[in-house]
Every structure is written in structure tokens, then in C-alpha cells.
Amino acid sequence: MNSTGGRRPYQGVLQILQFNWRFYLLAAVAAAGAILALPFLHTPWRIAALIAVMPALFWIASSLTVSHYIYDCSPLYDLGWIARTLGRTPKRWINIHCGLDETSELLSAIFPDAERCVVDIYDPQVMTEDSIRIAQGRKSGEVPFVSAQYNALPFDAASIDAVFLIFAAHELRRHDQRLNLFRELVRILASGRDLILVEHSRDIWNFLAFGPGAFHFFSQKAWRKAASEAGLVLQKEFSMTRFVHVYHLQKAA
């Protein structure tokens, strides 16, 4: 498998543009207006305009460059690392997303003999940001899915061997919502079985890359806290690039 998991060139960065086009358009228009106004401004206002414009231009460029690196060039979507992390093949797994499914087909190729179920937990009353609404409107992939509430998944207790939660859980913006999701995952996981959580972190690296957009993410401490309160045990954690963090969690045996 290649380093991008068979994805199209520039797929990741183009999706970032598509889902966040209003932000990029607003930032570009504001920066262009400020630059055009510079010759007509007195020196103090000219300096202030430059101070405002430079970070905006930097974050437009850095966010797109880093997105291309993460989603199109890094080994992130070569999901063979998930099999190596688990160290065993699940008999029944579920993949949870919020409208944009880029991983179920890849996971199916890695675990071809396992029973799978794909779950869309998008809730327009809870997840109200424009980017996720746009993603929900253009479901990708050909793997069938079921829609469910994040705190009421349609599975029996202790019936699942592995849960994959890749760039989805942060769409639940409140701690209690994420905690309820994790408690529901503890309910359906068999004893000692696995949850793979993949998320950006609210840290200096993501702030440098995405500017204020980094506040859409949560800290590693916040993820560990929610997992621990739900009864999940952290087995290991590691980074896929400096911008994406992976948590291998298990239901206590």
C-alpha cells in the first residue's frame, strides 16, 4: 500500500478548502483589502494593517501546506499501522464517523475476514458547524452505514472487538458529550478489547499550522480525561506527524 492509502493526489487539501471555503474566502478578501489600502494609510495605520495581514496570510498558507502534508503525503492513511497497533485481528469492528467516511474501505481491506459496521453519528442539533454540515452533504465511500445517536449505539453489550474513531469525536464539542460517547463504547466493547482514537491536538504545533482553527481541537489531556472517566485504559499513544495523535485504548478486562 502506498503512503497515502490509495487516495487521490491533493484529496486532503482540497477537502479542507471545500469544507472551510468561507473562512479562506473571508481571510483572502480581508488581506487583499488591507494590502490595497496600504498606500492610502498614514504610517501608524499602515503598520497596524501589516500586523493584522501577515498572520492571516501566514495561516492561509501554512494550514493548506500542512493539510497537504498530513492528509496527502504522510503515512496516516496507510492504515496498516492500525493492525500493528492492535496486534490482533478483530472478529467484529465498527468505524464511527460524522458524515465523511474516508477509512472504512481501507479498514475493510486490512481486516477482510472480519464483520464490519459503519456508523454515522452526525446530529444536526449537536454538530452545528458549517464544515461538518458540508461534509454530511457529500458522503464519500461505498461502504453501507447506519445512522445512530452517539450515546445510543445499536449494538448489544460486549459485542464488538474493535472501534475506530478517526477525526470524528471532536465534533462533540462538550466534555459530557464525549464522555457519554466513550461510555457507550465501553458498553458495546468486549472485555479487554480495543478503541483506536485519532485526533488533532490543541497544541503549539497545530496552532502554528492552523492558527485560531486549532481551538476546534482538544488537548491530549482532555482526551485522556474523558477516556479515563469512561473506564477506558490507555495502552499506548503516539503521533502520526507532529499534528495528529493516536490513542490506543482498551476496555478494562
C-alpha atoms as a PDB file:
ATOM      1  CA  MET A   1       0.000   0.000   0.000  1.00  0.00           C
ATOM      2  CA  ASN A   2       1.336   3.440  -0.786  1.00  0.00           C
ATOM      3  CA  SER A   3       1.920   6.139   1.791  1.00  0.00           C
ATOM      4  CA  THR A   4      -1.456   7.770   1.281  1.00  0.00           C
ATOM      5  CA  GLY A   5      -3.607   4.644   1.298  1.00  0.00           C
ATOM      6  CA  GLY A   6      -4.589   4.879  -2.372  1.00  0.00           C
ATOM      7  CA  ARG A   7      -6.051   8.364  -2.030  1.00  0.00           C
ATOM      8  CA  ARG A   8      -6.182  10.798  -4.929  1.00  0.00           C
ATOM      9  CA  PRO A   9      -3.413  13.414  -5.192  1.00  0.00           C
ATOM     10  CA  TYR A  10      -4.318  16.545  -3.215  1.00  0.00           C
ATOM     11  CA  GLN A  11      -7.534  14.931  -1.945  1.00  0.00           C
ATOM     12  CA  GLY A  12      -6.926  16.053   1.626  1.00  0.00           C
ATOM     13  CA  VAL A  13      -6.047  19.673   0.992  1.00  0.00           C
ATOM     14  CA  LEU A  14      -8.903  20.069  -1.499  1.00  0.00           C
ATOM     15  CA  GLN A  15     -11.352  18.803   1.108  1.00  0.00           C
ATOM     16  CA  ILE A  16     -10.021  21.311   3.629  1.00  0.00           C
ATOM     17  CA  LEU A  17     -10.700  24.051   1.092  1.00  0.00           C
ATOM     18  CA  GLN A  18     -14.147  22.696   0.318  1.00  0.00           C
ATOM     19  CA  PHE A  19     -15.264  22.359   3.927  1.00  0.00           C
ATOM     20  CA  ASN A  20     -13.822  25.700   5.063  1.00  0.00           C
ATOM     21  CA  TRP A  21     -14.134  27.839   1.935  1.00  0.00           C
ATOM     22  CA  ARG A  22     -15.960  30.641   3.739  1.00  0.00           C
ATOM     23  CA  PHE A  23     -13.061  31.102   6.149  1.00  0.00           C
ATOM     24  CA  TYR A  24     -10.463  31.124   3.374  1.00  0.00           C
ATOM     25  CA  LEU A  25     -12.521  33.482   1.230  1.00  0.00           C
ATOM     26  CA  LEU A  26     -13.081  35.908   4.097  1.00  0.00           C
ATOM     27  CA  ALA A  27      -9.409  35.834   5.095  1.00  0.00           C
ATOM     28  CA  ALA A  28      -8.250  36.340   1.494  1.00  0.00           C
ATOM     29  CA  VAL A  29     -10.656  39.221   0.859  1.00  0.00           C
ATOM     30  CA  ALA A  30      -9.714  40.945   4.128  1.00  0.00           C
ATOM     31  CA  ALA A  31      -5.992  40.542   3.428  1.00  0.00           C
ATOM     32  CA  ALA A  32      -6.359  41.819  -0.144  1.00  0.00           C
ATOM     33  CA  GLY A  33      -8.376  44.816   1.019  1.00  0.00           C
ATOM     34  CA  ALA A  34      -5.807  45.709   3.645  1.00  0.00           C
ATOM     35  CA  ILE A  35      -2.932  45.423   1.158  1.00  0.00           C
ATOM     36  CA  LEU A  36      -4.733  47.601  -1.403  1.00  0.00           C
ATOM     37  CA  ALA A  37      -5.373  50.214   1.286  1.00  0.00           C
ATOM     38  CA  LEU A  38      -1.736  50.430   2.420  1.00  0.00           C
ATOM     39  CA  PRO A  39      -0.677  53.289   0.055  1.00  0.00           C
ATOM     40  CA  PHE A  40      -3.516  55.464   1.385  1.00  0.00           C
ATOM     41  CA  LEU A  41      -2.823  54.950   5.078  1.00  0.00           C
ATOM     42  CA  HIS A  42      -0.679  57.004   7.396  1.00  0.00           C
ATOM     43  CA  THR A  43       2.329  55.210   8.830  1.00  0.00           C
ATOM     44  CA  PRO A  44       0.813  54.065  12.176  1.00  0.00           C
ATOM     45  CA  TRP A  45      -2.259  52.650  10.410  1.00  0.00           C
ATOM     46  CA  ARG A  46      -0.066  51.094   7.734  1.00  0.00           C
ATOM     47  CA  ILE A  47       1.933  49.276  10.408  1.00  0.00           C
ATOM     48  CA  ALA A  48      -1.265  48.139  12.127  1.00  0.00           C
ATOM     49  CA  ALA A  49      -2.650  46.831   8.829  1.00  0.00           C
ATOM     50  CA  LEU A  50       0.544  44.898   8.143  1.00  0.00           C
ATOM     51  CA  ILE A  51       0.490  43.429  11.650  1.00  0.00           C
ATOM     52  CA  ALA A  52      -3.075  42.230  11.025  1.00  0.00           C
ATOM     53  CA  VAL A  53      -2.482  40.956   7.488  1.00  0.00           C
ATOM     54  CA  MET A  54       0.736  38.987   7.953  1.00  0.00           C
ATOM     55  CA  PRO A  55      -0.644  36.348  10.370  1.00  0.00           C
ATOM     56  CA  ALA A  56      -3.704  35.865   8.148  1.00  0.00           C
ATOM     57  CA  LEU A  57      -1.569  35.288   5.062  1.00  0.00           C
ATOM     58  CA  PHE A  58       0.746  33.004   7.011  1.00  0.00           C
ATOM     59  CA  TRP A  59      -2.088  30.855   8.352  1.00  0.00           C
ATOM     60  CA  ILE A  60      -3.770  30.585   4.962  1.00  0.00           C
ATOM     61  CA  ALA A  61      -0.534  29.245   3.505  1.00  0.00           C
ATOM     62  CA  SER A  62       0.514  27.144   6.495  1.00  0.00           C
ATOM     63  CA  SER A  63      -2.877  25.481   7.009  1.00  0.00           C
ATOM     64  CA  LEU A  64      -3.072  24.369   3.394  1.00  0.00           C
ATOM     65  CA  THR A  65       0.569  23.275   3.270  1.00  0.00           C
ATOM     66  CA  VAL A  66       0.312  21.292   6.498  1.00  0.00           C
ATOM     67  CA  SER A  67      -3.027  19.781   5.461  1.00  0.00           C
ATOM     68  CA  HIS A  68      -1.451  18.557   2.230  1.00  0.00           C
ATOM     69  CA  TYR A  69       1.442  17.094   4.199  1.00  0.00           C
ATOM     70  CA  ILE A  70      -0.796  15.330   6.751  1.00  0.00           C
ATOM     71  CA  TYR A  71      -3.606  14.028   4.558  1.00  0.00           C
ATOM     72  CA  ASP A  72      -1.856  13.571   1.205  1.00  0.00           C
ATOM     73  CA  CYS A  73       1.824  12.879   1.873  1.00  0.00           C
ATOM     74  CA  SER A  74       2.216  11.285   5.312  1.00  0.00           C
ATOM     75  CA  PRO A  75       1.608   7.576   6.084  1.00  0.00           C
ATOM     76  CA  LEU A  76      -1.550   8.456   8.051  1.00  0.00           C
ATOM     77  CA  TYR A  77      -3.940   6.774   5.601  1.00  0.00           C
ATOM     78  CA  ASP A  78      -1.762   3.716   5.214  1.00  0.00           C
ATOM     79  CA  LEU A  79      -3.869   2.134   7.918  1.00  0.00           C
ATOM     80  CA  GLY A  80      -1.618  -0.879   8.249  1.00  0.00           C
ATOM     81  CA  TRP A  81      -0.322   0.864  11.370  1.00  0.00           C
ATOM     82  CA  ILE A  82      -3.696   0.151  12.994  1.00  0.00           C
ATOM     83  CA  ALA A  83      -3.244  -3.601  12.560  1.00  0.00           C
ATOM     84  CA  ARG A  84       0.253  -3.337  14.007  1.00  0.00           C
ATOM     85  CA  THR A  85      -1.033  -1.315  16.957  1.00  0.00           C
ATOM     86  CA  LEU A  86      -3.801  -3.790  17.767  1.00  0.00           C
ATOM     87  CA  GLY A  87      -1.540  -6.802  17.374  1.00  0.00           C
ATOM     88  CA  ARG A  88      -4.571  -8.994  16.670  1.00  0.00           C
ATOM     89  CA  THR A  89      -7.380  -9.247  14.157  1.00  0.00           C
ATOM     90  CA  PRO A  90     -10.841  -8.264  15.401  1.00  0.00           C
ATOM     91  CA  LYS A  91     -13.743 -10.549  14.580  1.00  0.00           C
ATOM     92  CA  ARG A  92     -16.229  -7.672  14.598  1.00  0.00           C
ATOM     93  CA  TRP A  93     -15.368  -3.996  14.309  1.00  0.00           C
ATOM     94  CA  ILE A  94     -17.183  -0.717  13.854  1.00  0.00           C
ATOM     95  CA  ASN A  95     -15.968   2.515  12.311  1.00  0.00           C
ATOM     96  CA  ILE A  96     -17.617   5.720  13.538  1.00  0.00           C
ATOM     97  CA  HIS A  97     -17.716   8.940  11.515  1.00  0.00           C
ATOM     98  CA  CYS A  98     -19.733  12.155  11.303  1.00  0.00           C
ATOM     99  CA  GLY A  99     -20.690  12.142   7.650  1.00  0.00           C
ATOM    100  CA  LEU A 100     -17.359  11.889   5.853  1.00  0.00           C
ATOM    101  CA  ASP A 101     -16.095   8.316   5.641  1.00  0.00           C
ATOM    102  CA  GLU A 102     -12.568   8.033   4.267  1.00  0.00           C
ATOM    103  CA  THR A 103     -11.399   4.974   6.177  1.00  0.00           C
ATOM    104  CA  SER A 104     -13.968   2.157   6.138  1.00  0.00           C
ATOM    105  CA  GLU A 105     -12.886   0.799   2.760  1.00  0.00           C
ATOM    106  CA  LEU A 106      -9.257   0.901   3.874  1.00  0.00           C
ATOM    107  CA  LEU A 107     -10.086  -0.861   7.133  1.00  0.00           C
ATOM    108  CA  SER A 108     -12.063  -3.494   5.230  1.00  0.00           C
ATOM    109  CA  ALA A 109      -9.001  -4.219   3.115  1.00  0.00           C
ATOM    110  CA  ILE A 110      -6.877  -4.634   6.253  1.00  0.00           C
ATOM    111  CA  PHE A 111      -9.425  -6.861   8.042  1.00  0.00           C
ATOM    112  CA  PRO A 112     -11.164  -8.614   5.120  1.00  0.00           C
ATOM    113  CA  ASP A 113     -12.498 -11.553   7.107  1.00  0.00           C
ATOM    114  CA  ALA A 114     -13.961  -9.547   9.981  1.00  0.00           C
ATOM    115  CA  GLU A 115     -17.575  -8.483  10.333  1.00  0.00           C
ATOM    116  CA  ARG A 116     -17.866  -4.724   9.980  1.00  0.00           C
ATOM    117  CA  CYS A 117     -20.386  -1.995  10.626  1.00  0.00           C
ATOM    118  CA  VAL A 118     -20.022   1.677   9.766  1.00  0.00           C
ATOM    119  CA  VAL A 119     -21.870   4.198  11.935  1.00  0.00           C
ATOM    120  CA  ASP A 120     -22.659   7.842  11.172  1.00  0.00           C
ATOM    121  CA  ILE A 121     -23.267   9.745  14.431  1.00  0.00           C
ATOM    122  CA  TYR A 122     -23.934  13.123  12.810  1.00  0.00           C
ATOM    123  CA  ASP A 123     -26.561  15.051  14.757  1.00  0.00           C
ATOM    124  CA  PRO A 124     -27.505  18.463  13.315  1.00  0.00           C
ATOM    125  CA  GLN A 125     -28.774  19.573  16.723  1.00  0.00           C
ATOM    126  CA  VAL A 126     -25.396  18.875  18.330  1.00  0.00           C
ATOM    127  CA  MET A 127     -22.939  19.377  15.461  1.00  0.00           C
ATOM    128  CA  THR A 128     -23.788  22.776  14.034  1.00  0.00           C
ATOM    129  CA  GLU A 129     -20.597  23.989  12.336  1.00  0.00           C
ATOM    130  CA  ASP A 130     -20.696  24.675   8.588  1.00  0.00           C
ATOM    131  CA  SER A 131     -17.756  22.385   7.784  1.00  0.00           C
ATOM    132  CA  ILE A 132     -19.404  19.245   9.162  1.00  0.00           C
ATOM    133  CA  ARG A 133     -22.732  20.158   7.542  1.00  0.00           C
ATOM    134  CA  ILE A 134     -20.960  20.349   4.175  1.00  0.00           C
ATOM    135  CA  ALA A 135     -19.204  17.022   4.833  1.00  0.00           C
ATOM    136  CA  GLN A 136     -22.533  15.413   5.712  1.00  0.00           C
ATOM    137  CA  GLY A 137     -23.887  16.609   2.387  1.00  0.00           C
ATOM    138  CA  ARG A 138     -21.245  14.793   0.357  1.00  0.00           C
ATOM    139  CA  LYS A 139     -20.890  11.336   1.896  1.00  0.00           C
ATOM    140  CA  SER A 140     -17.907   9.547   0.424  1.00  0.00           C
ATOM    141  CA  GLY A 141     -17.084   5.904   0.033  1.00  0.00           C
ATOM    142  CA  GLU A 142     -19.258   2.988  -0.977  1.00  0.00           C
ATOM    143  CA  VAL A 143     -19.448   1.166   2.351  1.00  0.00           C
ATOM    144  CA  PRO A 144     -23.032   0.997   3.701  1.00  0.00           C
ATOM    145  CA  PHE A 145     -23.591   2.699   7.033  1.00  0.00           C
ATOM    146  CA  VAL A 146     -26.199   3.076   9.753  1.00  0.00           C
ATOM    147  CA  SER A 147     -27.143   6.340  11.415  1.00  0.00           C
ATOM    148  CA  ALA A 148     -27.226   6.401  15.210  1.00  0.00           C
ATOM    149  CA  GLN A 149     -27.113   8.674  18.233  1.00  0.00           C
ATOM    150  CA  TYR A 150     -23.636   8.967  19.705  1.00  0.00           C
ATOM    151  CA  ASN A 151     -24.949   7.947  23.143  1.00  0.00           C
ATOM    152  CA  ALA A 152     -27.231   5.112  21.970  1.00  0.00           C
ATOM    153  CA  LEU A 153     -25.409   2.877  19.513  1.00  0.00           C
ATOM    154  CA  PRO A 154     -27.403  -0.048  18.054  1.00  0.00           C
ATOM    155  CA  PHE A 155     -25.188  -2.850  19.361  1.00  0.00           C
ATOM    156  CA  ASP A 156     -25.509  -5.345  22.181  1.00  0.00           C
ATOM    157  CA  ALA A 157     -23.318  -5.058  25.246  1.00  0.00           C
ATOM    158  CA  ALA A 158     -19.836  -6.580  24.910  1.00  0.00           C
ATOM    159  CA  SER A 159     -20.450  -7.475  21.250  1.00  0.00           C
ATOM    160  CA  ILE A 160     -17.673  -5.519  19.497  1.00  0.00           C
ATOM    161  CA  ASP A 161     -13.962  -6.354  19.301  1.00  0.00           C
ATOM    162  CA  ALA A 162     -12.632  -3.039  17.962  1.00  0.00           C
ATOM    163  CA  VAL A 163     -13.889   0.505  17.491  1.00  0.00           C
ATOM    164  CA  PHE A 164     -12.221   3.018  15.169  1.00  0.00           C
ATOM    165  CA  LEU A 165     -12.882   6.692  15.840  1.00  0.00           C
ATOM    166  CA  ILE A 166     -10.845   8.698  13.327  1.00  0.00           C
ATOM    167  CA  PHE A 167     -11.238  12.506  13.237  1.00  0.00           C
ATOM    168  CA  ALA A 168     -14.849  12.234  14.436  1.00  0.00           C
ATOM    169  CA  ALA A 169     -15.085  12.558  18.226  1.00  0.00           C
ATOM    170  CA  HIS A 170     -14.007  16.225  18.322  1.00  0.00           C
ATOM    171  CA  GLU A 171     -17.284  17.158  16.630  1.00  0.00           C
ATOM    172  CA  LEU A 172     -18.853  16.570  20.038  1.00  0.00           C
ATOM    173  CA  ARG A 173     -17.904  19.938  21.482  1.00  0.00           C
ATOM    174  CA  ARG A 174     -18.713  19.393  25.175  1.00  0.00           C
ATOM    175  CA  HIS A 175     -16.824  17.161  27.589  1.00  0.00           C
ATOM    176  CA  ASP A 176     -20.021  15.464  28.773  1.00  0.00           C
ATOM    177  CA  GLN A 177     -20.917  14.561  25.173  1.00  0.00           C
ATOM    178  CA  ARG A 178     -17.525  12.975  24.530  1.00  0.00           C
ATOM    179  CA  LEU A 179     -17.736  11.202  27.892  1.00  0.00           C
ATOM    180  CA  ASN A 180     -21.159   9.772  27.017  1.00  0.00           C
ATOM    181  CA  LEU A 181     -19.813   8.550  23.679  1.00  0.00           C
ATOM    182  CA  PHE A 182     -16.891   6.809  25.388  1.00  0.00           C
ATOM    183  CA  ARG A 183     -19.213   5.260  27.987  1.00  0.00           C
ATOM    184  CA  GLU A 184     -21.361   3.899  25.173  1.00  0.00           C
ATOM    185  CA  LEU A 185     -18.259   2.452  23.522  1.00  0.00           C
ATOM    186  CA  VAL A 186     -17.276   0.809  26.814  1.00  0.00           C
ATOM    187  CA  ARG A 187     -20.751  -0.741  26.936  1.00  0.00           C
ATOM    188  CA  ILE A 188     -20.510  -2.344  23.485  1.00  0.00           C
ATOM    189  CA  LEU A 189     -16.842  -3.373  23.640  1.00  0.00           C
ATOM    190  CA  ALA A 190     -15.979  -6.857  24.791  1.00  0.00           C
ATOM    191  CA  SER A 191     -13.779  -7.128  27.856  1.00  0.00           C
ATOM    192  CA  GLY A 192     -10.183  -6.191  27.113  1.00  0.00           C
ATOM    193  CA  ARG A 193     -10.934  -5.080  23.556  1.00  0.00           C
ATOM    194  CA  ASP A 194      -9.792  -2.052  21.654  1.00  0.00           C
ATOM    195  CA  LEU A 195     -10.616   1.518  20.691  1.00  0.00           C
ATOM    196  CA  ILE A 196      -8.380   3.451  18.290  1.00  0.00           C
ATOM    197  CA  LEU A 197      -8.908   7.206  18.626  1.00  0.00           C
ATOM    198  CA  VAL A 198      -7.223   9.550  16.123  1.00  0.00           C
ATOM    199  CA  GLU A 199      -7.376  13.321  16.597  1.00  0.00           C
ATOM    200  CA  HIS A 200      -5.500  16.561  16.122  1.00  0.00           C
ATOM    201  CA  SER A 201      -4.387  18.162  19.383  1.00  0.00           C
ATOM    202  CA  ARG A 202      -4.913  21.668  20.662  1.00  0.00           C
ATOM    203  CA  ASP A 203      -1.198  22.381  20.979  1.00  0.00           C
ATOM    204  CA  ILE A 204       1.539  24.689  19.727  1.00  0.00           C
ATOM    205  CA  TRP A 205       2.182  22.685  16.558  1.00  0.00           C
ATOM    206  CA  ASN A 206      -1.436  22.789  15.424  1.00  0.00           C
ATOM    207  CA  PHE A 207      -1.700  26.470  16.405  1.00  0.00           C
ATOM    208  CA  LEU A 208       1.324  27.274  14.248  1.00  0.00           C
ATOM    209  CA  ALA A 209      -0.234  25.328  11.383  1.00  0.00           C
ATOM    210  CA  PHE A 210      -3.893  26.315  11.667  1.00  0.00           C
ATOM    211  CA  GLY A 211      -3.909  29.486  13.766  1.00  0.00           C
ATOM    212  CA  PRO A 212      -7.202  30.019  15.638  1.00  0.00           C
ATOM    213  CA  GLY A 213      -8.537  26.903  13.885  1.00  0.00           C
ATOM    214  CA  ALA A 214      -6.521  24.849  16.381  1.00  0.00           C
ATOM    215  CA  PHE A 215      -9.126  25.711  19.034  1.00  0.00           C
ATOM    216  CA  HIS A 216     -11.501  23.395  17.157  1.00  0.00           C
ATOM    217  CA  PHE A 217      -9.346  20.560  18.522  1.00  0.00           C
ATOM    218  CA  PHE A 218      -8.946  19.374  22.119  1.00  0.00           C
ATOM    219  CA  SER A 219      -5.825  18.825  24.194  1.00  0.00           C
ATOM    220  CA  GLN A 220      -4.318  15.413  24.754  1.00  0.00           C
ATOM    221  CA  LYS A 221      -5.105  15.888  28.443  1.00  0.00           C
ATOM    222  CA  ALA A 222      -8.792  16.383  27.618  1.00  0.00           C
ATOM    223  CA  TRP A 223      -8.925  13.144  25.601  1.00  0.00           C
ATOM    224  CA  ARG A 224      -7.156  11.157  28.337  1.00  0.00           C
ATOM    225  CA  LYS A 225      -9.534  12.586  30.960  1.00  0.00           C
ATOM    226  CA  ALA A 226     -12.678  11.649  29.032  1.00  0.00           C
ATOM    227  CA  ALA A 227     -11.347   8.170  28.277  1.00  0.00           C
ATOM    228  CA  SER A 228     -10.332   7.532  31.882  1.00  0.00           C
ATOM    229  CA  GLU A 229     -13.648   8.760  33.301  1.00  0.00           C
ATOM    230  CA  ALA A 230     -15.484   6.418  30.929  1.00  0.00           C
ATOM    231  CA  GLY A 231     -13.487   3.412  32.120  1.00  0.00           C
ATOM    232  CA  LEU A 232     -11.086   3.079  29.198  1.00  0.00           C
ATOM    233  CA  VAL A 233      -7.467   2.176  29.841  1.00  0.00           C
ATOM    234  CA  LEU A 234      -4.752   3.850  27.802  1.00  0.00           C
ATOM    235  CA  GLN A 235      -2.466   1.179  26.353  1.00  0.00           C
ATOM    236  CA  LYS A 236      -0.240   3.398  24.242  1.00  0.00           C
ATOM    237  CA  GLU A 237      -0.230   6.690  22.399  1.00  0.00           C
ATOM    238  CA  PHE A 238       1.912   8.074  19.630  1.00  0.00           C
ATOM    239  CA  SER A 239       1.960  10.763  16.982  1.00  0.00           C
ATOM    240  CA  MET A 240       1.383  10.411  13.261  1.00  0.00           C
ATOM    241  CA  THR A 241       3.282  13.549  12.242  1.00  0.00           C
ATOM    242  CA  ARG A 242       3.551  16.346  14.827  1.00  0.00           C
ATOM    243  CA  PHE A 243      -0.053  17.317  14.175  1.00  0.00           C
ATOM    244  CA  VAL A 244      -2.059  14.090  14.698  1.00  0.00           C
ATOM    245  CA  HIS A 245      -2.155  11.942  17.843  1.00  0.00           C
ATOM    246  CA  VAL A 246      -3.257   8.329  18.192  1.00  0.00           C
ATOM    247  CA  TYR A 247      -4.642   6.782  21.393  1.00  0.00           C
ATOM    248  CA  HIS A 248      -4.881   3.011  21.751  1.00  0.00           C
ATOM    249  CA  LEU A 249      -7.491   2.461  24.469  1.00  0.00           C
ATOM    250  CA  GLN A 250      -8.991  -0.713  25.887  1.00  0.00           C
ATOM    251  CA  LYS A 251     -11.996  -1.665  27.947  1.00  0.00           C
ATOM    252  CA  ALA A 252     -10.726  -2.981  31.275  1.00  0.00           C
ATOM    253  CA  ALA A 253     -10.627  -6.775  31.393  1.00  0.00           C
END
